[in-house]
Amino acid sequence: MIRLAPLALVAATLAAPAFAEAENYVLDPSHSQIVFSYNHLGYSTSYGMFGGIEGQIAFDQANPAASSVQVSFPVTTMLTGWQARFDHFMSPDFFGATEDKTVSFKSTAIEVTGEKTAKITGDLTLNGVTKSVTLDAALTQAGEHPMEKKPWAGFTGTTTLLRSDYNLGMFAPYVSDELQVMISVEAMKAD
């Protein structure tokens, strides 16, 4: 029920220190998360999260629209806060998850919308289905990391996904088909 991976990628299109050409960054999996939420029967909002996200950002400061992002993570990294819910999500009712079942996002276009904002469109593959998704992204900060002493950047992103688009629509519309997705990632300049 989660389509989060694409959001982390949106950040790559945002303004950062000036570069003459695209520079490669890799996501910091210890500080990159995707959070999703959905309405549960009108009684509450339920949340889940993915961590351990891996990916690359090629950022071209002179021409941000020429930048790109690519991320992936195992669906089994989902955190739900309740083991029974996690087990149900991993069951054939939803993901039928195995250790190697992944969620991935690869950008196909970037539209710069402001000094630190962009719309990133890309292919999201979730539960064996690939669909185009657009993320609203923003650069939160770019500069030298105070402890790592190397270029670092932080990004946020949001989007809304429909569970049913990815064959995950069980219990809709009672449990909302719409998922709100929030992404927060850090990326370090690749060595």
N, C-alpha and C. Protein backbone atom coordinates (compact mmCIF):
# COMPACT_ATOMS: atom_id res chain seq x y z
N MET A 1 0.82 -1.18 0.00
CA MET A 1 0.00 0.00 0.00
C MET A 1 0.87 1.25 0.00
N ILE A 2 2.11 1.11 -0.34
CA ILE A 2 3.00 2.23 -0.25
C ILE A 2 3.65 2.51 -1.58
N ARG A 3 3.70 3.75 -1.99
CA ARG A 3 4.34 4.14 -3.22
C ARG A 3 5.21 5.34 -2.91
N LEU A 4 6.28 5.09 -2.25
CA LEU A 4 7.04 6.17 -1.70
C LEU A 4 8.36 6.41 -2.36
N ALA A 5 8.91 5.35 -2.89
CA ALA A 5 10.24 5.46 -3.41
C ALA A 5 10.43 6.64 -4.30
N PRO A 6 9.53 7.06 -5.19
CA PRO A 6 9.71 8.13 -6.13
C PRO A 6 9.94 9.47 -5.44
N LEU A 7 9.46 9.63 -4.28
CA LEU A 7 9.49 10.94 -3.66
C LEU A 7 10.89 11.37 -3.31
N ALA A 8 11.69 10.48 -2.87
CA ALA A 8 13.04 10.83 -2.50
C ALA A 8 13.79 11.38 -3.69
N LEU A 9 13.38 10.98 -4.83
CA LEU A 9 14.09 11.34 -6.04
C LEU A 9 13.81 12.77 -6.46
N VAL A 10 12.69 13.30 -6.10
CA VAL A 10 12.30 14.63 -6.52
C VAL A 10 13.28 15.68 -6.08
N ALA A 11 13.87 15.46 -4.97
CA ALA A 11 14.76 16.45 -4.40
C ALA A 11 15.93 16.76 -5.29
N ALA A 12 16.27 15.85 -6.15
CA ALA A 12 17.46 16.02 -6.97
C ALA A 12 17.36 17.19 -7.92
N THR A 13 16.15 17.67 -8.20
CA THR A 13 16.01 18.72 -9.19
C THR A 13 16.11 20.11 -8.60
N LEU A 14 16.32 20.19 -7.32
CA LEU A 14 16.26 21.48 -6.65
C LEU A 14 17.60 22.20 -6.67
N ALA A 15 17.55 23.48 -6.44
CA ALA A 15 18.77 24.28 -6.47
C ALA A 15 19.75 23.82 -5.41
N ALA A 16 21.01 23.76 -5.78
CA ALA A 16 22.10 23.37 -4.89
C ALA A 16 23.32 24.20 -5.28
N PRO A 17 24.45 23.98 -4.66
CA PRO A 17 25.62 24.75 -5.05
C PRO A 17 25.89 24.61 -6.54
N ALA A 18 26.41 25.65 -7.13
CA ALA A 18 26.61 25.66 -8.58
C ALA A 18 27.62 24.61 -9.02
N PHE A 19 27.28 23.88 -10.08
CA PHE A 19 28.15 22.89 -10.67
C PHE A 19 28.18 23.15 -12.17
N ALA A 20 29.29 22.86 -12.79
CA ALA A 20 29.41 23.06 -14.24
C ALA A 20 28.70 21.93 -14.99
N GLU A 21 28.58 20.77 -14.38
CA GLU A 21 27.91 19.63 -15.02
C GLU A 21 27.33 18.76 -13.93
N ALA A 22 26.59 17.75 -14.33
CA ALA A 22 25.96 16.87 -13.35
C ALA A 22 27.01 16.21 -12.47
N GLU A 23 26.71 16.18 -11.18
CA GLU A 23 27.56 15.48 -10.23
C GLU A 23 26.73 14.38 -9.59
N ASN A 24 27.40 13.27 -9.31
CA ASN A 24 26.69 12.12 -8.76
C ASN A 24 26.65 12.15 -7.24
N TYR A 25 25.46 11.91 -6.71
CA TYR A 25 25.24 11.80 -5.27
C TYR A 25 24.60 10.45 -5.01
N VAL A 26 24.86 9.91 -3.82
CA VAL A 26 24.20 8.66 -3.41
C VAL A 26 23.39 8.93 -2.15
N LEU A 27 22.25 8.28 -2.04
CA LEU A 27 21.39 8.47 -0.87
C LEU A 27 22.07 7.92 0.37
N ASP A 28 21.86 8.60 1.47
CA ASP A 28 22.29 8.13 2.78
C ASP A 28 21.12 7.32 3.34
N PRO A 29 21.19 5.98 3.32
CA PRO A 29 20.04 5.18 3.75
C PRO A 29 19.69 5.36 5.22
N SER A 30 20.65 5.84 6.03
CA SER A 30 20.35 6.02 7.45
C SER A 30 19.54 7.29 7.71
N HIS A 31 19.44 8.17 6.71
CA HIS A 31 18.68 9.41 6.87
C HIS A 31 17.74 9.64 5.68
N SER A 32 17.21 8.58 5.14
CA SER A 32 16.26 8.67 4.02
C SER A 32 15.06 7.79 4.33
N GLN A 33 13.90 8.40 4.38
CA GLN A 33 12.68 7.67 4.71
C GLN A 33 11.54 8.09 3.79
N ILE A 34 10.63 7.16 3.62
CA ILE A 34 9.37 7.43 2.92
C ILE A 34 8.24 7.08 3.88
N VAL A 35 7.38 8.03 4.15
CA VAL A 35 6.25 7.84 5.06
C VAL A 35 4.97 7.91 4.25
N PHE A 36 4.05 6.98 4.52
CA PHE A 36 2.76 7.01 3.83
C PHE A 36 1.65 6.98 4.87
N SER A 37 0.50 7.52 4.48
CA SER A 37 -0.65 7.53 5.39
C SER A 37 -1.92 7.27 4.60
N TYR A 38 -2.92 6.74 5.30
CA TYR A 38 -4.22 6.45 4.70
C TYR A 38 -5.28 6.48 5.78
N ASN A 39 -6.51 6.76 5.36
CA ASN A 39 -7.64 6.82 6.28
C ASN A 39 -8.15 5.40 6.54
N HIS A 40 -8.32 5.07 7.83
CA HIS A 40 -8.81 3.75 8.21
C HIS A 40 -10.26 3.83 8.68
N LEU A 41 -11.17 3.52 7.76
CA LEU A 41 -12.61 3.43 8.06
C LEU A 41 -13.20 4.71 8.59
N GLY A 42 -12.53 5.83 8.40
CA GLY A 42 -13.02 7.10 8.90
C GLY A 42 -12.71 7.34 10.36
N TYR A 43 -12.12 6.36 11.03
CA TYR A 43 -11.84 6.48 12.46
C TYR A 43 -10.47 7.06 12.76
N SER A 44 -9.51 6.75 11.92
CA SER A 44 -8.15 7.20 12.22
C SER A 44 -7.35 7.31 10.93
N THR A 45 -6.18 7.91 11.07
CA THR A 45 -5.20 7.94 10.00
C THR A 45 -4.09 6.98 10.39
N SER A 46 -3.81 6.01 9.53
CA SER A 46 -2.74 5.04 9.80
C SER A 46 -1.51 5.44 9.00
N TYR A 47 -0.34 5.13 9.58
CA TYR A 47 0.93 5.51 8.98
C TYR A 47 1.83 4.29 8.82
N GLY A 48 2.71 4.37 7.85
CA GLY A 48 3.75 3.37 7.65
C GLY A 48 4.98 4.07 7.11
N MET A 49 6.08 3.36 7.10
CA MET A 49 7.33 3.97 6.66
C MET A 49 8.21 2.93 5.99
N PHE A 50 8.99 3.40 5.03
CA PHE A 50 10.05 2.59 4.44
C PHE A 50 11.38 3.25 4.79
N GLY A 51 12.36 2.44 5.12
CA GLY A 51 13.71 2.93 5.37
C GLY A 51 14.69 2.13 4.53
N GLY A 52 15.97 2.38 4.73
CA GLY A 52 16.98 1.64 3.99
C GLY A 52 16.95 1.88 2.50
N ILE A 53 16.57 3.08 2.12
CA ILE A 53 16.41 3.42 0.71
C ILE A 53 17.78 3.66 0.08
N GLU A 54 18.01 3.06 -1.06
CA GLU A 54 19.25 3.25 -1.79
C GLU A 54 18.95 3.91 -3.12
N GLY A 55 19.85 4.75 -3.58
CA GLY A 55 19.62 5.39 -4.87
C GLY A 55 20.72 6.37 -5.23
N GLN A 56 20.58 6.91 -6.43
CA GLN A 56 21.55 7.85 -6.95
C GLN A 56 20.83 9.08 -7.51
N ILE A 57 21.49 10.21 -7.39
CA ILE A 57 21.00 11.46 -7.96
C ILE A 57 22.12 12.04 -8.81
N ALA A 58 21.83 12.33 -10.05
CA ALA A 58 22.78 13.06 -10.91
C ALA A 58 22.21 14.47 -11.00
N PHE A 59 22.90 15.44 -10.39
CA PHE A 59 22.37 16.79 -10.32
C PHE A 59 23.20 17.74 -11.17
N ASP A 60 22.53 18.43 -12.06
CA ASP A 60 23.17 19.41 -12.94
C ASP A 60 22.66 20.79 -12.54
N GLN A 61 23.48 21.53 -11.78
CA GLN A 61 23.05 22.83 -11.28
C GLN A 61 22.79 23.82 -12.41
N ALA A 62 23.61 23.77 -13.45
CA ALA A 62 23.45 24.72 -14.55
C ALA A 62 22.18 24.45 -15.34
N ASN A 63 21.73 23.20 -15.35
CA ASN A 63 20.53 22.80 -16.09
C ASN A 63 19.80 21.74 -15.28
N PRO A 64 19.11 22.14 -14.18
CA PRO A 64 18.48 21.16 -13.28
C PRO A 64 17.52 20.21 -13.98
N ALA A 65 16.90 20.65 -15.06
CA ALA A 65 15.98 19.77 -15.78
C ALA A 65 16.70 18.58 -16.40
N ALA A 66 18.02 18.66 -16.52
CA ALA A 66 18.81 17.55 -17.07
C ALA A 66 19.27 16.59 -15.97
N SER A 67 18.87 16.85 -14.74
CA SER A 67 19.22 15.98 -13.62
C SER A 67 18.39 14.70 -13.68
N SER A 68 18.74 13.74 -12.85
CA SER A 68 17.97 12.50 -12.79
C SER A 68 18.08 11.88 -11.41
N VAL A 69 17.12 11.01 -11.09
CA VAL A 69 17.13 10.28 -9.82
C VAL A 69 16.68 8.85 -10.07
N GLN A 70 17.21 7.97 -9.24
CA GLN A 70 16.83 6.56 -9.31
C GLN A 70 16.96 5.98 -7.91
N VAL A 71 15.89 5.32 -7.41
CA VAL A 71 15.92 4.73 -6.07
C VAL A 71 15.24 3.36 -6.09
N SER A 72 15.60 2.58 -5.08
CA SER A 72 14.93 1.28 -4.90
C SER A 72 15.10 0.84 -3.45
N PHE A 73 14.20 -0.06 -3.03
CA PHE A 73 14.29 -0.63 -1.69
C PHE A 73 13.39 -1.86 -1.63
N PRO A 74 13.73 -2.82 -0.77
CA PRO A 74 12.89 -4.01 -0.61
C PRO A 74 11.57 -3.64 0.06
N VAL A 75 10.48 -4.21 -0.41
CA VAL A 75 9.17 -3.93 0.20
C VAL A 75 9.15 -4.40 1.65
N THR A 76 10.00 -5.37 1.98
CA THR A 76 10.03 -5.90 3.34
C THR A 76 10.66 -4.94 4.35
N THR A 77 11.15 -3.78 3.90
CA THR A 77 11.66 -2.79 4.85
C THR A 77 10.54 -1.94 5.45
N MET A 78 9.30 -2.23 5.05
CA MET A 78 8.15 -1.47 5.56
C MET A 78 8.04 -1.62 7.09
N LEU A 79 7.78 -0.49 7.75
CA LEU A 79 7.49 -0.48 9.18
C LEU A 79 6.05 -0.03 9.35
N THR A 80 5.28 -0.76 10.14
CA THR A 80 3.87 -0.40 10.35
C THR A 80 3.54 -0.13 11.81
N GLY A 81 4.41 -0.52 12.73
CA GLY A 81 4.14 -0.33 14.14
C GLY A 81 3.33 -1.46 14.76
N TRP A 82 2.95 -2.44 13.94
CA TRP A 82 2.17 -3.57 14.47
C TRP A 82 2.47 -4.79 13.61
N GLN A 83 3.04 -5.82 14.20
CA GLN A 83 3.50 -6.99 13.44
C GLN A 83 2.39 -7.63 12.63
N ALA A 84 1.19 -7.72 13.18
CA ALA A 84 0.09 -8.36 12.45
C ALA A 84 -0.26 -7.58 11.18
N ARG A 85 -0.18 -6.25 11.23
CA ARG A 85 -0.45 -5.44 10.03
C ARG A 85 0.65 -5.67 9.00
N PHE A 86 1.90 -5.66 9.45
CA PHE A 86 3.01 -5.92 8.55
C PHE A 86 2.83 -7.29 7.88
N ASP A 87 2.52 -8.32 8.67
CA ASP A 87 2.34 -9.66 8.12
C ASP A 87 1.22 -9.69 7.08
N HIS A 88 0.13 -8.94 7.34
CA HIS A 88 -0.98 -8.90 6.37
C HIS A 88 -0.55 -8.19 5.09
N PHE A 89 0.18 -7.08 5.22
CA PHE A 89 0.65 -6.37 4.03
C PHE A 89 1.60 -7.23 3.18
N MET A 90 2.37 -8.08 3.82
CA MET A 90 3.31 -8.93 3.09
C MET A 90 2.64 -10.19 2.53
N SER A 91 1.39 -10.45 2.92
CA SER A 91 0.67 -11.65 2.49
C SER A 91 0.18 -11.50 1.05
N PRO A 92 -0.31 -12.58 0.45
CA PRO A 92 -0.86 -12.51 -0.91
C PRO A 92 -2.05 -11.53 -1.04
N ASP A 93 -2.68 -11.13 0.06
CA ASP A 93 -3.76 -10.14 -0.01
C ASP A 93 -3.24 -8.80 -0.55
N PHE A 94 -1.95 -8.53 -0.33
CA PHE A 94 -1.36 -7.27 -0.77
C PHE A 94 -0.11 -7.53 -1.62
N PHE A 95 1.06 -7.63 -0.99
CA PHE A 95 2.31 -7.71 -1.75
C PHE A 95 2.76 -9.11 -2.11
N GLY A 96 2.32 -10.12 -1.35
CA GLY A 96 2.87 -11.45 -1.57
C GLY A 96 4.38 -11.36 -1.56
N ALA A 97 4.90 -10.66 -0.55
CA ALA A 97 6.30 -10.23 -0.54
C ALA A 97 7.28 -11.37 -0.30
N THR A 98 8.38 -11.24 -1.01
CA THR A 98 9.55 -12.08 -0.79
C THR A 98 10.72 -11.15 -0.53
N GLU A 99 11.82 -11.70 -0.08
CA GLU A 99 12.99 -10.88 0.25
C GLU A 99 13.48 -10.03 -0.91
N ASP A 100 13.27 -10.50 -2.15
CA ASP A 100 13.81 -9.77 -3.28
C ASP A 100 12.78 -8.91 -4.01
N LYS A 101 11.57 -8.78 -3.47
CA LYS A 101 10.56 -7.93 -4.10
C LYS A 101 10.86 -6.48 -3.74
N THR A 102 11.05 -5.65 -4.77
CA THR A 102 11.47 -4.28 -4.53
C THR A 102 10.47 -3.26 -5.05
N VAL A 103 10.61 -2.04 -4.53
CA VAL A 103 9.92 -0.87 -5.02
C VAL A 103 11.00 -0.02 -5.68
N SER A 104 10.71 0.54 -6.85
CA SER A 104 11.73 1.36 -7.51
C SER A 104 11.10 2.57 -8.18
N PHE A 105 11.92 3.58 -8.38
CA PHE A 105 11.50 4.80 -9.06
C PHE A 105 12.66 5.27 -9.91
N LYS A 106 12.36 5.64 -11.15
CA LYS A 106 13.38 6.18 -12.05
C LYS A 106 12.78 7.39 -12.74
N SER A 107 13.42 8.55 -12.60
CA SER A 107 12.89 9.78 -13.19
C SER A 107 12.92 9.72 -14.71
N THR A 108 11.91 10.36 -15.31
CA THR A 108 11.84 10.47 -16.77
C THR A 108 11.83 11.93 -17.22
N ALA A 109 11.48 12.85 -16.31
CA ALA A 109 11.45 14.29 -16.64
C ALA A 109 11.48 15.10 -15.36
N ILE A 110 12.10 16.26 -15.43
CA ILE A 110 12.14 17.18 -14.30
C ILE A 110 11.74 18.56 -14.79
N GLU A 111 10.75 19.13 -14.11
CA GLU A 111 10.31 20.49 -14.42
C GLU A 111 10.63 21.37 -13.23
N VAL A 112 11.55 22.30 -13.41
CA VAL A 112 11.92 23.21 -12.35
C VAL A 112 10.79 24.21 -12.18
N THR A 113 10.30 24.37 -10.93
CA THR A 113 9.15 25.23 -10.67
C THR A 113 9.50 26.45 -9.83
N GLY A 114 10.71 26.48 -9.28
CA GLY A 114 11.12 27.59 -8.44
C GLY A 114 12.59 27.46 -8.11
N GLU A 115 13.10 28.39 -7.30
CA GLU A 115 14.52 28.38 -6.96
C GLU A 115 14.93 27.08 -6.27
N LYS A 116 14.03 26.53 -5.46
CA LYS A 116 14.35 25.30 -4.73
C LYS A 116 13.26 24.25 -4.87
N THR A 117 12.46 24.33 -5.93
CA THR A 117 11.36 23.37 -6.10
C THR A 117 11.34 22.82 -7.52
N ALA A 118 10.73 21.65 -7.64
CA ALA A 118 10.62 21.02 -8.96
C ALA A 118 9.50 19.97 -8.92
N LYS A 119 9.04 19.62 -10.10
CA LYS A 119 8.15 18.48 -10.26
C LYS A 119 8.97 17.41 -10.96
N ILE A 120 9.05 16.25 -10.31
CA ILE A 120 9.81 15.15 -10.88
C ILE A 120 8.82 14.07 -11.29
N THR A 121 8.84 13.75 -12.57
CA THR A 121 8.00 12.68 -13.11
C THR A 121 8.90 11.48 -13.34
N GLY A 122 8.35 10.30 -13.03
CA GLY A 122 9.14 9.10 -13.23
C GLY A 122 8.29 7.86 -13.18
N ASP A 123 8.92 6.73 -13.45
CA ASP A 123 8.26 5.44 -13.43
C ASP A 123 8.41 4.81 -12.06
N LEU A 124 7.27 4.59 -11.40
CA LEU A 124 7.24 3.92 -10.10
C LEU A 124 6.82 2.48 -10.34
N THR A 125 7.65 1.55 -9.92
CA THR A 125 7.31 0.13 -9.99
C THR A 125 7.03 -0.35 -8.58
N LEU A 126 5.80 -0.80 -8.37
CA LEU A 126 5.32 -1.23 -7.06
C LEU A 126 4.43 -2.43 -7.26
N ASN A 127 4.71 -3.49 -6.55
CA ASN A 127 3.90 -4.69 -6.62
C ASN A 127 3.79 -5.23 -8.05
N GLY A 128 4.86 -5.10 -8.82
CA GLY A 128 4.89 -5.63 -10.18
C GLY A 128 4.21 -4.76 -11.21
N VAL A 129 3.73 -3.58 -10.81
CA VAL A 129 3.04 -2.65 -11.72
C VAL A 129 3.89 -1.39 -11.86
N THR A 130 4.07 -0.92 -13.09
CA THR A 130 4.82 0.32 -13.32
C THR A 130 3.89 1.39 -13.85
N LYS A 131 3.87 2.56 -13.18
CA LYS A 131 3.04 3.69 -13.59
C LYS A 131 3.84 4.97 -13.44
N SER A 132 3.47 5.96 -14.24
CA SER A 132 4.10 7.27 -14.14
C SER A 132 3.54 8.01 -12.92
N VAL A 133 4.44 8.64 -12.17
CA VAL A 133 4.09 9.37 -10.94
C VAL A 133 4.82 10.70 -10.98
N THR A 134 4.18 11.75 -10.46
CA THR A 134 4.85 13.05 -10.36
C THR A 134 4.98 13.43 -8.90
N LEU A 135 6.17 13.83 -8.52
CA LEU A 135 6.48 14.24 -7.16
C LEU A 135 6.68 15.75 -7.10
N ASP A 136 6.16 16.37 -6.04
CA ASP A 136 6.45 17.76 -5.76
C ASP A 136 7.65 17.76 -4.82
N ALA A 137 8.80 18.28 -5.29
CA ALA A 137 10.05 18.18 -4.54
C ALA A 137 10.59 19.54 -4.15
N ALA A 138 11.40 19.53 -3.10
CA ALA A 138 12.05 20.75 -2.64
C ALA A 138 13.42 20.42 -2.07
N LEU A 139 14.36 21.31 -2.29
CA LEU A 139 15.68 21.22 -1.69
C LEU A 139 15.58 21.82 -0.29
N THR A 140 16.02 21.07 0.73
CA THR A 140 15.97 21.60 2.09
C THR A 140 17.28 22.27 2.47
N GLN A 141 18.40 21.70 1.98
CA GLN A 141 19.70 22.29 2.28
C GLN A 141 20.76 21.61 1.43
N ALA A 142 21.78 22.36 1.06
CA ALA A 142 22.93 21.80 0.34
C ALA A 142 24.18 22.51 0.82
N GLY A 143 25.24 21.74 1.00
CA GLY A 143 26.50 22.31 1.45
C GLY A 143 27.39 21.25 2.04
N GLU A 144 28.47 21.67 2.67
CA GLU A 144 29.39 20.70 3.27
C GLU A 144 28.80 20.16 4.56
N HIS A 145 28.78 18.84 4.68
CA HIS A 145 28.29 18.18 5.89
C HIS A 145 29.27 18.50 7.03
N PRO A 146 28.78 18.95 8.18
CA PRO A 146 29.67 19.39 9.26
C PRO A 146 30.52 18.28 9.86
N MET A 147 30.09 17.03 9.76
CA MET A 147 30.88 15.92 10.31
C MET A 147 31.61 15.14 9.23
N GLU A 148 30.96 14.95 8.08
CA GLU A 148 31.57 14.16 7.00
C GLU A 148 32.55 14.96 6.15
N LYS A 149 32.44 16.31 6.21
CA LYS A 149 33.34 17.20 5.47
C LYS A 149 33.33 16.91 3.97
N LYS A 150 32.12 16.70 3.42
CA LYS A 150 31.97 16.51 1.99
C LYS A 150 30.63 17.07 1.57
N PRO A 151 30.42 17.36 0.29
CA PRO A 151 29.14 17.92 -0.16
C PRO A 151 27.97 16.99 0.17
N TRP A 152 26.88 17.60 0.64
CA TRP A 152 25.71 16.86 1.11
C TRP A 152 24.49 17.66 0.67
N ALA A 153 23.37 16.99 0.48
CA ALA A 153 22.13 17.68 0.13
C ALA A 153 20.94 16.96 0.75
N GLY A 154 19.93 17.74 1.10
CA GLY A 154 18.70 17.19 1.66
C GLY A 154 17.51 17.60 0.83
N PHE A 155 16.54 16.69 0.67
CA PHE A 155 15.36 16.95 -0.16
C PHE A 155 14.11 16.40 0.50
N THR A 156 12.99 17.01 0.15
CA THR A 156 11.68 16.48 0.54
C THR A 156 10.84 16.32 -0.72
N GLY A 157 9.83 15.48 -0.62
CA GLY A 157 8.91 15.29 -1.73
C GLY A 157 7.57 14.77 -1.24
N THR A 158 6.54 15.03 -2.02
CA THR A 158 5.21 14.53 -1.70
C THR A 158 4.51 14.10 -2.98
N THR A 159 3.58 13.17 -2.81
CA THR A 159 2.70 12.77 -3.90
C THR A 159 1.51 12.04 -3.30
N THR A 160 0.52 11.78 -4.12
CA THR A 160 -0.64 10.98 -3.74
C THR A 160 -0.73 9.82 -4.71
N LEU A 161 -0.89 8.62 -4.17
CA LEU A 161 -1.00 7.41 -4.99
C LEU A 161 -2.32 6.70 -4.71
N LEU A 162 -2.78 5.93 -5.67
CA LEU A 162 -3.97 5.09 -5.49
C LEU A 162 -3.51 3.66 -5.32
N ARG A 163 -3.87 3.04 -4.20
CA ARG A 163 -3.50 1.65 -3.95
C ARG A 163 -3.97 0.74 -5.07
N SER A 164 -5.18 0.99 -5.54
CA SER A 164 -5.78 0.11 -6.55
C SER A 164 -4.99 0.13 -7.86
N ASP A 165 -4.24 1.20 -8.13
CA ASP A 165 -3.42 1.25 -9.34
C ASP A 165 -2.34 0.18 -9.33
N TYR A 166 -2.00 -0.31 -8.14
CA TYR A 166 -0.91 -1.27 -7.97
C TYR A 166 -1.41 -2.61 -7.44
N ASN A 167 -2.67 -2.92 -7.68
CA ASN A 167 -3.28 -4.18 -7.22
C ASN A 167 -3.16 -4.35 -5.71
N LEU A 168 -3.34 -3.24 -4.98
CA LEU A 168 -3.27 -3.25 -3.52
C LEU A 168 -4.55 -2.66 -2.91
N GLY A 169 -5.66 -2.74 -3.64
CA GLY A 169 -6.87 -2.02 -3.25
C GLY A 169 -7.80 -2.73 -2.29
N MET A 170 -7.38 -3.81 -1.66
CA MET A 170 -8.26 -4.53 -0.74
C MET A 170 -8.88 -3.57 0.29
N PHE A 171 -10.16 -3.74 0.54
CA PHE A 171 -10.96 -2.99 1.51
C PHE A 171 -11.29 -1.56 1.08
N ALA A 172 -10.86 -1.13 -0.11
CA ALA A 172 -11.26 0.19 -0.60
C ALA A 172 -12.74 0.13 -0.98
N PRO A 173 -13.53 1.15 -0.77
CA PRO A 173 -13.12 2.48 -0.31
C PRO A 173 -13.17 2.65 1.20
N TYR A 174 -13.50 1.59 1.95
CA TYR A 174 -13.61 1.73 3.41
C TYR A 174 -12.27 2.13 4.02
N VAL A 175 -11.23 1.45 3.61
CA VAL A 175 -9.87 1.91 3.89
C VAL A 175 -9.49 2.69 2.64
N SER A 176 -9.11 3.94 2.79
CA SER A 176 -8.97 4.82 1.63
C SER A 176 -8.04 4.24 0.57
N ASP A 177 -8.47 4.43 -0.68
CA ASP A 177 -7.64 4.02 -1.81
C ASP A 177 -6.45 4.97 -1.94
N GLU A 178 -6.64 6.23 -1.58
CA GLU A 178 -5.57 7.23 -1.68
C GLU A 178 -4.55 7.08 -0.57
N LEU A 179 -3.30 7.12 -0.96
CA LEU A 179 -2.19 7.15 -0.01
C LEU A 179 -1.49 8.49 -0.15
N GLN A 180 -1.27 9.16 0.97
CA GLN A 180 -0.46 10.37 0.98
C GLN A 180 0.98 9.93 1.25
N VAL A 181 1.90 10.38 0.41
CA VAL A 181 3.29 9.95 0.52
C VAL A 181 4.18 11.16 0.78
N MET A 182 5.05 11.04 1.78
CA MET A 182 6.00 12.09 2.14
C MET A 182 7.40 11.48 2.13
N ILE A 183 8.33 12.18 1.49
CA ILE A 183 9.69 11.69 1.38
C ILE A 183 10.66 12.70 1.97
N SER A 184 11.64 12.18 2.69
CA SER A 184 12.71 13.02 3.19
C SER A 184 14.01 12.24 3.02
N VAL A 185 14.96 12.81 2.28
CA VAL A 185 16.20 12.09 2.00
C VAL A 185 17.41 13.01 2.16
N GLU A 186 18.53 12.38 2.45
CA GLU A 186 19.82 13.04 2.41
C GLU A 186 20.67 12.29 1.39
N ALA A 187 21.52 13.03 0.69
CA ALA A 187 22.40 12.41 -0.29
C ALA A 187 23.79 13.03 -0.19
N MET A 188 24.81 12.20 -0.35
CA MET A 188 26.20 12.65 -0.27
C MET A 188 26.86 12.54 -1.63
N LYS A 189 27.79 13.44 -1.89
CA LYS A 189 28.51 13.38 -3.16
C LYS A 189 29.25 12.05 -3.24
N ALA A 190 29.10 11.39 -4.38
CA ALA A 190 29.74 10.10 -4.57
C ALA A 190 31.25 10.25 -4.66
N ASP A 191 31.96 9.29 -4.11
CA ASP A 191 33.43 9.31 -4.17
C ASP A 191 33.93 8.99 -5.55
